[in-house]
Amino acid sequence: MGPKTAELIDVLEELAILLESDGDNHWSRWMRKAKTLLQASDYSGITYLRSAYGGMGSFNDLILGQSSVDGVFSWKPGYKELNDRLEELRNKASQLGAEIQRDQGE
């Protein structure tokens, strides 16, 4: 496993933890599955990860820190910082995935 893959595995774990901290299970499981594949040197994890990006309802569209009580929308405290961190990790995972895929000749 190369250094970029090891870094991506760490980023995916950070993403999963961040997502779980806001109650998101769908994308957290997605990131953990990609991580598990990569830890086993199964580079289909890159394809799986990259399939989360793009299109309506994709990982790109996710916004954290929202809540609704009795149909009334509100932002949770710290939502801006939460989303800034999400954007940073989301971009890093995408960038590393693309670089690894290029390095693998795909």
PDB file of N, CA and C in Angstrom:
ATOM      1  N   MET A   1       0.849  -1.181   0.000  1.00  0.00           N
ATOM      2  CA  MET A   1       0.000   0.000   0.000  1.00  0.00           C
ATOM      3  C   MET A   1       0.889   1.237   0.000  1.00  0.00           C
ATOM      4  N   GLY A   2       0.590   2.143  -0.907  1.00  0.00           N
ATOM      5  CA  GLY A   2       1.385   3.357  -1.008  1.00  0.00           C
ATOM      6  C   GLY A   2       0.950   4.425  -0.017  1.00  0.00           C
ATOM      7  N   PRO A   3       1.733   5.497   0.080  1.00  0.00           N
ATOM      8  CA  PRO A   3       1.423   6.564   1.033  1.00  0.00           C
ATOM      9  C   PRO A   3       0.109   7.287   0.736  1.00  0.00           C
ATOM     10  N   LYS A   4      -0.246   7.427  -0.530  1.00  0.00           N
ATOM     11  CA  LYS A   4      -1.518   8.081  -0.861  1.00  0.00           C
ATOM     12  C   LYS A   4      -2.698   7.229  -0.414  1.00  0.00           C
ATOM     13  N   THR A   5      -2.570   5.925  -0.582  1.00  0.00           N
ATOM     14  CA  THR A   5      -3.645   5.030  -0.149  1.00  0.00           C
ATOM     15  C   THR A   5      -3.779   5.062   1.363  1.00  0.00           C
ATOM     16  N   ALA A   6      -2.657   5.044   2.065  1.00  0.00           N
ATOM     17  CA  ALA A   6      -2.694   5.124   3.531  1.00  0.00           C
ATOM     18  C   ALA A   6      -3.328   6.437   3.978  1.00  0.00           C
ATOM     19  N   GLU A   7      -2.989   7.524   3.303  1.00  0.00           N
ATOM     20  CA  GLU A   7      -3.581   8.823   3.642  1.00  0.00           C
ATOM     21  C   GLU A   7      -5.080   8.817   3.369  1.00  0.00           C
ATOM     22  N   LEU A   8      -5.485   8.230   2.248  1.00  0.00           N
ATOM     23  CA  LEU A   8      -6.904   8.165   1.918  1.00  0.00           C
ATOM     24  C   LEU A   8      -7.663   7.348   2.958  1.00  0.00           C
ATOM     25  N   ILE A   9      -7.093   6.249   3.403  1.00  0.00           N
ATOM     26  CA  ILE A   9      -7.734   5.435   4.438  1.00  0.00           C
ATOM     27  C   ILE A   9      -7.971   6.267   5.691  1.00  0.00           C
ATOM     28  N   ASP A  10      -6.989   7.070   6.074  1.00  0.00           N
ATOM     29  CA  ASP A  10      -7.150   7.952   7.243  1.00  0.00           C
ATOM     30  C   ASP A  10      -8.244   8.990   7.008  1.00  0.00           C
ATOM     31  N   VAL A  11      -8.277   9.569   5.822  1.00  0.00           N
ATOM     32  CA  VAL A  11      -9.296  10.575   5.494  1.00  0.00           C
ATOM     33  C   VAL A  11     -10.687   9.945   5.524  1.00  0.00           C
ATOM     34  N   LEU A  12     -10.813   8.732   4.999  1.00  0.00           N
ATOM     35  CA  LEU A  12     -12.107   8.051   5.006  1.00  0.00           C
ATOM     36  C   LEU A  12     -12.582   7.782   6.426  1.00  0.00           C
ATOM     37  N   GLU A  13     -11.667   7.420   7.312  1.00  0.00           N
ATOM     38  CA  GLU A  13     -12.037   7.210   8.714  1.00  0.00           C
ATOM     39  C   GLU A  13     -12.497   8.524   9.341  1.00  0.00           C
ATOM     40  N   GLU A  14     -11.771   9.599   9.082  1.00  0.00           N
ATOM     41  CA  GLU A  14     -12.174  10.913   9.601  1.00  0.00           C
ATOM     42  C   GLU A  14     -13.551  11.307   9.079  1.00  0.00           C
ATOM     43  N   LEU A  15     -13.786  11.065   7.801  1.00  0.00           N
ATOM     44  CA  LEU A  15     -15.091  11.365   7.220  1.00  0.00           C
ATOM     45  C   LEU A  15     -16.191  10.567   7.904  1.00  0.00           C
ATOM     46  N   ALA A  16     -15.963   9.278   8.087  1.00  0.00           N
ATOM     47  CA  ALA A  16     -16.973   8.428   8.720  1.00  0.00           C
ATOM     48  C   ALA A  16     -17.306   8.931  10.121  1.00  0.00           C
ATOM     49  N   ILE A  17     -16.299   9.285  10.879  1.00  0.00           N
ATOM     50  CA  ILE A  17     -16.512   9.787  12.242  1.00  0.00           C
ATOM     51  C   ILE A  17     -17.285  11.104  12.206  1.00  0.00           C
ATOM     52  N   LEU A  18     -16.900  12.002  11.318  1.00  0.00           N
ATOM     53  CA  LEU A  18     -17.587  13.292  11.195  1.00  0.00           C
ATOM     54  C   LEU A  18     -19.052  13.089  10.820  1.00  0.00           C
ATOM     55  N   LEU A  19     -19.295  12.234   9.853  1.00  0.00           N
ATOM     56  CA  LEU A  19     -20.662  11.967   9.412  1.00  0.00           C
ATOM     57  C   LEU A  19     -21.499  11.369  10.538  1.00  0.00           C
ATOM     58  N   GLU A  20     -20.928  10.421  11.258  1.00  0.00           N
ATOM     59  CA  GLU A  20     -21.641   9.807  12.376  1.00  0.00           C
ATOM     60  C   GLU A  20     -21.934  10.816  13.476  1.00  0.00           C
ATOM     61  N   SER A  21     -21.044  11.786  13.655  1.00  0.00           N
ATOM     62  CA  SER A  21     -21.252  12.791  14.702  1.00  0.00           C
ATOM     63  C   SER A  21     -22.507  13.623  14.440  1.00  0.00           C
ATOM     64  N   ASP A  22     -22.940  13.664  13.181  1.00  0.00           N
ATOM     65  CA  ASP A  22     -24.156  14.402  12.830  1.00  0.00           C
ATOM     66  C   ASP A  22     -25.331  13.459  12.563  1.00  0.00           C
ATOM     67  N   GLY A  23     -25.142  12.174  12.841  1.00  0.00           N
ATOM     68  CA  GLY A  23     -26.228  11.213  12.682  1.00  0.00           C
ATOM     69  C   GLY A  23     -26.391  10.651  11.284  1.00  0.00           C
ATOM     70  N   ASP A  24     -25.430  10.871  10.410  1.00  0.00           N
ATOM     71  CA  ASP A  24     -25.522  10.346   9.048  1.00  0.00           C
ATOM     72  C   ASP A  24     -24.934   8.941   9.011  1.00  0.00           C
ATOM     73  N   ASN A  25     -25.784   7.967   8.737  1.00  0.00           N
ATOM     74  CA  ASN A  25     -25.319   6.584   8.662  1.00  0.00           C
ATOM     75  C   ASN A  25     -25.052   6.132   7.231  1.00  0.00           C
ATOM     76  N   HIS A  26     -25.838   6.641   6.279  1.00  0.00           N
ATOM     77  CA  HIS A  26     -25.691   6.196   4.886  1.00  0.00           C
ATOM     78  C   HIS A  26     -24.288   6.471   4.355  1.00  0.00           C
ATOM     79  N   TRP A  27     -23.867   7.723   4.390  1.00  0.00           N
ATOM     80  CA  TRP A  27     -22.559   8.075   3.832  1.00  0.00           C
ATOM     81  C   TRP A  27     -21.420   7.588   4.714  1.00  0.00           C
ATOM     82  N   SER A  28     -21.665   7.490   5.999  1.00  0.00           N
ATOM     83  CA  SER A  28     -20.642   6.942   6.893  1.00  0.00           C
ATOM     84  C   SER A  28     -20.337   5.489   6.521  1.00  0.00           C
ATOM     85  N   ARG A  29     -21.386   4.699   6.309  1.00  0.00           N
ATOM     86  CA  ARG A  29     -21.183   3.299   5.896  1.00  0.00           C
ATOM     87  C   ARG A  29     -20.467   3.238   4.547  1.00  0.00           C
ATOM     88  N   TRP A  30     -20.798   4.146   3.647  1.00  0.00           N
ATOM     89  CA  TRP A  30     -20.165   4.197   2.319  1.00  0.00           C
ATOM     90  C   TRP A  30     -18.656   4.398   2.461  1.00  0.00           C
ATOM     91  N   MET A  31     -18.272   5.376   3.294  1.00  0.00           N
ATOM     92  CA  MET A  31     -16.850   5.675   3.486  1.00  0.00           C
ATOM     93  C   MET A  31     -16.130   4.502   4.152  1.00  0.00           C
ATOM     94  N   ARG A  32     -16.787   3.878   5.123  1.00  0.00           N
ATOM     95  CA  ARG A  32     -16.168   2.730   5.804  1.00  0.00           C
ATOM     96  C   ARG A  32     -16.008   1.532   4.859  1.00  0.00           C
ATOM     97  N   LYS A  33     -16.963   1.334   3.955  1.00  0.00           N
ATOM     98  CA  LYS A  33     -16.833   0.233   2.993  1.00  0.00           C
ATOM     99  C   LYS A  33     -15.647   0.488   2.064  1.00  0.00           C
ATOM    100  N   ALA A  34     -15.530   1.717   1.564  1.00  0.00           N
ATOM    101  CA  ALA A  34     -14.381   2.057   0.705  1.00  0.00           C
ATOM    102  C   ALA A  34     -13.082   1.851   1.470  1.00  0.00           C
ATOM    103  N   LYS A  35     -13.065   2.269   2.725  1.00  0.00           N
ATOM    104  CA  LYS A  35     -11.873   2.115   3.571  1.00  0.00           C
ATOM    105  C   LYS A  35     -11.512   0.640   3.741  1.00  0.00           C
ATOM    106  N   THR A  36     -12.503  -0.188   4.030  1.00  0.00           N
ATOM    107  CA  THR A  36     -12.267  -1.621   4.233  1.00  0.00           C
ATOM    108  C   THR A  36     -11.702  -2.268   2.971  1.00  0.00           C
ATOM    109  N   LEU A  37     -12.252  -1.910   1.822  1.00  0.00           N
ATOM    110  CA  LEU A  37     -11.736  -2.446   0.558  1.00  0.00           C
ATOM    111  C   LEU A  37     -10.277  -2.052   0.355  1.00  0.00           C
ATOM    112  N   LEU A  38      -9.966  -0.786   0.599  1.00  0.00           N
ATOM    113  CA  LEU A  38      -8.593  -0.308   0.405  1.00  0.00           C
ATOM    114  C   LEU A  38      -7.627  -0.939   1.401  1.00  0.00           C
ATOM    115  N   GLN A  39      -8.074  -1.149   2.629  1.00  0.00           N
ATOM    116  CA  GLN A  39      -7.211  -1.796   3.625  1.00  0.00           C
ATOM    117  C   GLN A  39      -6.852  -3.213   3.204  1.00  0.00           C
ATOM    118  N   ALA A  40      -7.735  -3.843   2.433  1.00  0.00           N
ATOM    119  CA  ALA A  40      -7.485  -5.199   1.933  1.00  0.00           C
ATOM    120  C   ALA A  40      -6.763  -5.170   0.582  1.00  0.00           C
ATOM    121  N   SER A  41      -6.236  -4.004   0.204  1.00  0.00           N
ATOM    122  CA  SER A  41      -5.561  -3.804  -1.087  1.00  0.00           C
ATOM    123  C   SER A  41      -6.472  -4.098  -2.269  1.00  0.00           C
ATOM    124  N   ASP A  42      -7.768  -3.902  -2.071  1.00  0.00           N
ATOM    125  CA  ASP A  42      -8.754  -4.059  -3.137  1.00  0.00           C
ATOM    126  C   ASP A  42      -9.055  -2.659  -3.670  1.00  0.00           C
ATOM    127  N   TYR A  43      -8.469  -2.349  -4.811  1.00  0.00           N
ATOM    128  CA  TYR A  43      -8.576  -0.994  -5.340  1.00  0.00           C
ATOM    129  C   TYR A  43      -9.916  -0.706  -6.003  1.00  0.00           C
ATOM    130  N   SER A  44     -10.843  -1.671  -5.954  1.00  0.00           N
ATOM    131  CA  SER A  44     -12.216  -1.347  -6.343  1.00  0.00           C
ATOM    132  C   SER A  44     -12.806  -0.365  -5.334  1.00  0.00           C
ATOM    133  N   GLY A  45     -12.151  -0.233  -4.181  1.00  0.00           N
ATOM    134  CA  GLY A  45     -12.559   0.760  -3.190  1.00  0.00           C
ATOM    135  C   GLY A  45     -12.469   2.178  -3.731  1.00  0.00           C
ATOM    136  N   ILE A  46     -11.534   2.414  -4.650  1.00  0.00           N
ATOM    137  CA  ILE A  46     -11.402   3.735  -5.278  1.00  0.00           C
ATOM    138  C   ILE A  46     -12.610   4.001  -6.168  1.00  0.00           C
ATOM    139  N   THR A  47     -12.956   3.027  -6.989  1.00  0.00           N
ATOM    140  CA  THR A  47     -14.124   3.168  -7.862  1.00  0.00           C
ATOM    141  C   THR A  47     -15.383   3.349  -7.033  1.00  0.00           C
ATOM    142  N   TYR A  48     -15.493   2.558  -5.973  1.00  0.00           N
ATOM    143  CA  TYR A  48     -16.654   2.660  -5.085  1.00  0.00           C
ATOM    144  C   TYR A  48     -16.727   4.051  -4.463  1.00  0.00           C
ATOM    145  N   LEU A  49     -15.616   4.540  -3.936  1.00  0.00           N
ATOM    146  CA  LEU A  49     -15.580   5.877  -3.342  1.00  0.00           C
ATOM    147  C   LEU A  49     -15.977   6.931  -4.362  1.00  0.00           C
ATOM    148  N   ARG A  50     -15.371   6.894  -5.527  1.00  0.00           N
ATOM    149  CA  ARG A  50     -15.606   7.933  -6.534  1.00  0.00           C
ATOM    150  C   ARG A  50     -17.030   7.901  -7.066  1.00  0.00           C
ATOM    151  N   SER A  51     -17.705   6.762  -6.954  1.00  0.00           N
ATOM    152  CA  SER A  51     -19.103   6.687  -7.403  1.00  0.00           C
ATOM    153  C   SER A  51     -20.039   7.453  -6.472  1.00  0.00           C
ATOM    154  N   ALA A  52     -19.554   7.843  -5.304  1.00  0.00           N
ATOM    155  CA  ALA A  52     -20.367   8.634  -4.366  1.00  0.00           C
ATOM    156  C   ALA A  52     -20.487  10.083  -4.817  1.00  0.00           C
ATOM    157  N   TYR A  53     -19.582  10.510  -5.680  1.00  0.00           N
ATOM    158  CA  TYR A  53     -19.510  11.906  -6.117  1.00  0.00           C
ATOM    159  C   TYR A  53     -20.254  12.084  -7.439  1.00  0.00           C
ATOM    160  N   GLY A  54     -20.985  13.175  -7.566  1.00  0.00           N
ATOM    161  CA  GLY A  54     -21.632  13.518  -8.825  1.00  0.00           C
ATOM    162  C   GLY A  54     -23.069  13.052  -8.906  1.00  0.00           C
ATOM    163  N   GLY A  55     -23.889  13.863  -9.534  1.00  0.00           N
ATOM    164  CA  GLY A  55     -25.298  13.538  -9.692  1.00  0.00           C
ATOM    165  C   GLY A  55     -26.134  14.041  -8.524  1.00  0.00           C
ATOM    166  N   MET A  56     -27.439  14.096  -8.754  1.00  0.00           N
ATOM    167  CA  MET A  56     -28.347  14.572  -7.709  1.00  0.00           C
ATOM    168  C   MET A  56     -28.348  13.607  -6.526  1.00  0.00           C
ATOM    169  N   GLY A  57     -28.331  14.164  -5.336  1.00  0.00           N
ATOM    170  CA  GLY A  57     -28.367  13.351  -4.129  1.00  0.00           C
ATOM    171  C   GLY A  57     -27.045  12.688  -3.803  1.00  0.00           C
ATOM    172  N   SER A  58     -25.987  13.125  -4.457  1.00  0.00           N
ATOM    173  CA  SER A  58     -24.680  12.512  -4.239  1.00  0.00           C
ATOM    174  C   SER A  58     -24.023  13.058  -2.974  1.00  0.00           C
ATOM    175  N   PHE A  59     -22.892  12.502  -2.657  1.00  0.00           N
ATOM    176  CA  PHE A  59     -22.112  12.930  -1.500  1.00  0.00           C
ATOM    177  C   PHE A  59     -21.756  14.411  -1.605  1.00  0.00           C
ATOM    178  N   ASN A  60     -21.591  14.898  -2.835  1.00  0.00           N
ATOM    179  CA  ASN A  60     -21.300  16.327  -3.046  1.00  0.00           C
ATOM    180  C   ASN A  60     -22.405  17.223  -2.506  1.00  0.00           C
ATOM    181  N   ASP A  61     -23.641  16.735  -2.511  1.00  0.00           N
ATOM    182  CA  ASP A  61     -24.801  17.541  -2.119  1.00  0.00           C
ATOM    183  C   ASP A  61     -25.043  17.561  -0.615  1.00  0.00           C
ATOM    184  N   LEU A  62     -24.354  16.711   0.109  1.00  0.00           N
ATOM    185  CA  LEU A  62     -24.627  16.572   1.540  1.00  0.00           C
ATOM    186  C   LEU A  62     -24.272  17.840   2.309  1.00  0.00           C
ATOM    187  N   ILE A  63     -25.192  18.255   3.168  1.00  0.00           N
ATOM    188  CA  ILE A  63     -24.976  19.367   4.092  1.00  0.00           C
ATOM    189  C   ILE A  63     -25.290  18.842   5.483  1.00  0.00           C
ATOM    190  N   LEU A  64     -24.380  19.056   6.402  1.00  0.00           N
ATOM    191  CA  LEU A  64     -24.561  18.603   7.779  1.00  0.00           C
ATOM    192  C   LEU A  64     -25.066  19.745   8.652  1.00  0.00           C
ATOM    193  N   GLY A  65     -25.510  19.392   9.850  1.00  0.00           N
ATOM    194  CA  GLY A  65     -25.889  20.398  10.839  1.00  0.00           C
ATOM    195  C   GLY A  65     -27.301  20.917  10.712  1.00  0.00           C
ATOM    196  N   GLN A  66     -28.155  20.187  10.024  1.00  0.00           N
ATOM    197  CA  GLN A  66     -29.546  20.605   9.881  1.00  0.00           C
ATOM    198  C   GLN A  66     -30.426  19.782  10.807  1.00  0.00           C
ATOM    199  N   SER A  67     -31.489  20.398  11.287  1.00  0.00           N
ATOM    200  CA  SER A  67     -32.459  19.645  12.071  1.00  0.00           C
ATOM    201  C   SER A  67     -33.853  20.178  11.794  1.00  0.00           C
ATOM    202  N   SER A  68     -34.820  19.367  12.118  1.00  0.00           N
ATOM    203  CA  SER A  68     -36.214  19.745  11.952  1.00  0.00           C
ATOM    204  C   SER A  68     -36.984  19.233  13.159  1.00  0.00           C
ATOM    205  N   VAL A  69     -37.602  20.147  13.874  1.00  0.00           N
ATOM    206  CA  VAL A  69     -38.422  19.782  15.027  1.00  0.00           C
ATOM    207  C   VAL A  69     -39.835  20.257  14.741  1.00  0.00           C
ATOM    208  N   ASP A  70     -40.768  19.319  14.731  1.00  0.00           N
ATOM    209  CA  ASP A  70     -42.167  19.629  14.414  1.00  0.00           C
ATOM    210  C   ASP A  70     -42.284  20.382  13.091  1.00  0.00           C
ATOM    211  N   GLY A  71     -41.476  19.978  12.118  1.00  0.00           N
ATOM    212  CA  GLY A  71     -41.531  20.567  10.792  1.00  0.00           C
ATOM    213  C   GLY A  71     -40.856  21.915  10.653  1.00  0.00           C
ATOM    214  N   VAL A  72     -40.181  22.361  11.713  1.00  0.00           N
ATOM    215  CA  VAL A  72     -39.499  23.652  11.667  1.00  0.00           C
ATOM    216  C   VAL A  72     -38.000  23.409  11.493  1.00  0.00           C
ATOM    217  N   PHE A  73     -37.457  23.934  10.401  1.00  0.00           N
ATOM    218  CA  PHE A  73     -36.039  23.772  10.095  1.00  0.00           C
ATOM    219  C   PHE A  73     -35.200  24.670  10.991  1.00  0.00           C
ATOM    220  N   SER A  74     -34.041  24.136  11.398  1.00  0.00           N
ATOM    221  CA  SER A  74     -33.068  24.968  12.112  1.00  0.00           C
ATOM    222  C   SER A  74     -31.673  24.400  11.889  1.00  0.00           C
ATOM    223  N   TRP A  75     -30.700  25.243  12.129  1.00  0.00           N
ATOM    224  CA  TRP A  75     -29.302  24.832  12.056  1.00  0.00           C
ATOM    225  C   TRP A  75     -28.834  24.466  13.452  1.00  0.00           C
ATOM    226  N   LYS A  76     -28.065  23.403  13.535  1.00  0.00           N
ATOM    227  CA  LYS A  76     -27.471  23.004  14.810  1.00  0.00           C
ATOM    228  C   LYS A  76     -26.299  23.926  15.128  1.00  0.00           C
ATOM    229  N   PRO A  77     -25.999  24.112  16.416  1.00  0.00           N
ATOM    230  CA  PRO A  77     -24.818  24.918  16.770  1.00  0.00           C
ATOM    231  C   PRO A  77     -23.558  24.312  16.135  1.00  0.00           C
ATOM    232  N   GLY A  78     -22.698  25.164  15.617  1.00  0.00           N
ATOM    233  CA  GLY A  78     -21.443  24.712  15.017  1.00  0.00           C
ATOM    234  C   GLY A  78     -21.574  24.179  13.606  1.00  0.00           C
ATOM    235  N   TYR A  79     -22.725  24.405  12.972  1.00  0.00           N
ATOM    236  CA  TYR A  79     -22.947  23.841  11.635  1.00  0.00           C
ATOM    237  C   TYR A  79     -21.942  24.349  10.597  1.00  0.00           C
ATOM    238  N   LYS A  80     -21.529  25.602  10.711  1.00  0.00           N
ATOM    239  CA  LYS A  80     -20.588  26.149   9.722  1.00  0.00           C
ATOM    240  C   LYS A  80     -19.250  25.419   9.792  1.00  0.00           C
ATOM    241  N   GLU A  81     -18.711  25.268  10.993  1.00  0.00           N
ATOM    242  CA  GLU A  81     -17.438  24.571  11.169  1.00  0.00           C
ATOM    243  C   GLU A  81     -17.554  23.113  10.732  1.00  0.00           C
ATOM    244  N   LEU A  82     -18.687  22.497  11.048  1.00  0.00           N
ATOM    245  CA  LEU A  82     -18.935  21.108  10.671  1.00  0.00           C
ATOM    246  C   LEU A  82     -18.889  20.955   9.146  1.00  0.00           C
ATOM    247  N   ASN A  83     -19.558  21.854   8.445  1.00  0.00           N
ATOM    248  CA  ASN A  83     -19.586  21.782   6.983  1.00  0.00           C
ATOM    249  C   ASN A  83     -18.267  22.188   6.345  1.00  0.00           C
ATOM    250  N   ASP A  84     -17.548  23.102   6.980  1.00  0.00           N
ATOM    251  CA  ASP A  84     -16.210  23.443   6.479  1.00  0.00           C
ATOM    252  C   ASP A  84     -15.300  22.225   6.542  1.00  0.00           C
ATOM    253  N   ARG A  85     -15.368  21.496   7.647  1.00  0.00           N
ATOM    254  CA  ARG A  85     -14.540  20.289   7.801  1.00  0.00           C
ATOM    255  C   ARG A  85     -14.986  19.203   6.820  1.00  0.00           C
ATOM    256  N   LEU A  86     -16.293  19.049   6.662  1.00  0.00           N
ATOM    257  CA  LEU A  86     -16.811  18.084   5.693  1.00  0.00           C
ATOM    258  C   LEU A  86     -16.278  18.399   4.300  1.00  0.00           C
ATOM    259  N   GLU A  87     -16.346  19.652   3.910  1.00  0.00           N
ATOM    260  CA  GLU A  87     -15.889  20.047   2.570  1.00  0.00           C
ATOM    261  C   GLU A  87     -14.394  19.766   2.395  1.00  0.00           C
ATOM    262  N   GLU A  88     -13.630  20.067   3.417  1.00  0.00           N
ATOM    263  CA  GLU A  88     -12.183  19.817   3.362  1.00  0.00           C
ATOM    264  C   GLU A  88     -11.887  18.329   3.177  1.00  0.00           C
ATOM    265  N   LEU A  89     -12.519  17.487   3.987  1.00  0.00           N
ATOM    266  CA  LEU A  89     -12.282  16.044   3.909  1.00  0.00           C
ATOM    267  C   LEU A  89     -12.846  15.454   2.618  1.00  0.00           C
ATOM    268  N   ARG A  90     -14.019  15.917   2.229  1.00  0.00           N
ATOM    269  CA  ARG A  90     -14.656  15.423   0.998  1.00  0.00           C
ATOM    270  C   ARG A  90     -13.766  15.718  -0.210  1.00  0.00           C
ATOM    271  N   ASN A  91     -13.234  16.932  -0.276  1.00  0.00           N
ATOM    272  CA  ASN A  91     -12.343  17.297  -1.382  1.00  0.00           C
ATOM    273  C   ASN A  91     -11.045  16.502  -1.343  1.00  0.00           C
ATOM    274  N   LYS A  92     -10.498  16.299  -0.150  1.00  0.00           N
ATOM    275  CA  LYS A  92      -9.245  15.545  -0.011  1.00  0.00           C
ATOM    276  C   LYS A  92      -9.445  14.098  -0.457  1.00  0.00           C
ATOM    277  N   ALA A  93     -10.555  13.485  -0.053  1.00  0.00           N
ATOM    278  CA  ALA A  93     -10.832  12.103  -0.451  1.00  0.00           C
ATOM    279  C   ALA A  93     -10.977  11.998  -1.966  1.00  0.00           C
ATOM    280  N   SER A  94     -11.684  12.946  -2.564  1.00  0.00           N
ATOM    281  CA  SER A  94     -11.865  12.941  -4.015  1.00  0.00           C
ATOM    282  C   SER A  94     -10.532  13.104  -4.734  1.00  0.00           C
ATOM    283  N   GLN A  95      -9.732  14.039  -4.261  1.00  0.00           N
ATOM    284  CA  GLN A  95      -8.420  14.300  -4.872  1.00  0.00           C
ATOM    285  C   GLN A  95      -7.522  13.072  -4.770  1.00  0.00           C
ATOM    286  N   LEU A  96      -7.431  12.491  -3.588  1.00  0.00           N
ATOM    287  CA  LEU A  96      -6.580  11.308  -3.407  1.00  0.00           C
ATOM    288  C   LEU A  96      -7.085  10.139  -4.244  1.00  0.00           C
ATOM    289  N   GLY A  97      -8.404   9.949  -4.274  1.00  0.00           N
ATOM    290  CA  GLY A  97      -8.973   8.874  -5.081  1.00  0.00           C
ATOM    291  C   GLY A  97      -8.608   9.018  -6.550  1.00  0.00           C
ATOM    292  N   ALA A  98      -8.710  10.248  -7.059  1.00  0.00           N
ATOM    293  CA  ALA A  98      -8.364  10.500  -8.467  1.00  0.00           C
ATOM    294  C   ALA A  98      -6.879  10.255  -8.718  1.00  0.00           C
ATOM    295  N   GLU A  99      -6.032  10.702  -7.801  1.00  0.00           N
ATOM    296  CA  GLU A  99      -4.583  10.504  -7.962  1.00  0.00           C
ATOM    297  C   GLU A  99      -4.225   9.024  -7.931  1.00  0.00           C
ATOM    298  N   ILE A 100      -4.804   8.290  -7.010  1.00  0.00           N
ATOM    299  CA  ILE A 100      -4.518   6.852  -6.903  1.00  0.00           C
ATOM    300  C   ILE A 100      -5.003   6.132  -8.154  1.00  0.00           C
ATOM    301  N   GLN A 101      -6.183   6.499  -8.623  1.00  0.00           N
ATOM    302  CA  GLN A 101      -6.715   5.864  -9.826  1.00  0.00           C
ATOM    303  C   GLN A 101      -5.799   6.133 -11.020  1.00  0.00           C
ATOM    304  N   ARG A 102      -5.309   7.355 -11.140  1.00  0.00           N
ATOM    305  CA  ARG A 102      -4.364   7.682 -12.225  1.00  0.00           C
ATOM    306  C   ARG A 102      -3.080   6.862 -12.082  1.00  0.00           C
ATOM    307  N   ASP A 103      -2.578   6.772 -10.848  1.00  0.00           N
ATOM    308  CA  ASP A 103      -1.346   6.020 -10.600  1.00  0.00           C
ATOM    309  C   ASP A 103      -1.511   4.537 -10.916  1.00  0.00           C
ATOM    310  N   GLN A 104      -2.738   4.035 -10.767  1.00  0.00           N
ATOM    311  CA  GLN A 104      -3.020   2.627 -11.059  1.00  0.00           C
ATOM    312  C   GLN A 104      -3.233   2.404 -12.556  1.00  0.00           C
ATOM    313  N   GLY A 105      -3.259   3.503 -13.318  1.00  0.00           N
ATOM    314  CA  GLY A 105      -3.411   3.394 -14.763  1.00  0.00           C
ATOM    315  C   GLY A 105      -4.829   3.164 -15.222  1.00  0.00           C
ATOM    316  N   GLU A 106      -5.797   3.563 -14.394  1.00  0.00           N
ATOM    317  CA  GLU A 106      -7.206   3.368 -14.781  1.00  0.00           C
ATOM    318  C   GLU A 106      -7.769   4.619 -15.386  1.00  0.00           C
TER     319      GLU A 106
END
